[in-house]
Amino acid sequence: MLSLALQIAIGMVSIAMLLNLWRLLLGPESADRILALETMYLNSMALIILFGLWQGAALFFEAALLVAMLGFASTAALCKFLLRGDIIE
């Protein structure tokens, strides 16, 4: 039963990632694209965690933590570049 629930959740998160990719490619403004990229990071982190639960391996949780940190740093850098036009002052 848990395996079926995890497979359904993985499918739904995968569909959400495809919709985020669509927003990333067709976003009308840069802020929309940055938001779509941040949401893709969150969805990829959820996918890694769900896959780790499905496989029963703890290594995937550390990978999810790394993806979360990369997502935060890249989103902060992109937002700073969008607001000020420069990342390092």
Foldseek 3Di string as FASTA:
>chain_A
DLLVVLVVVLVVLVVVLVVLVVCLVPPPDPVSNLVSLLVNLVSVLVNLVSVCVNVVHPVSNVVSVVSNVVSVVVSVQSVCCVVPVDRPD
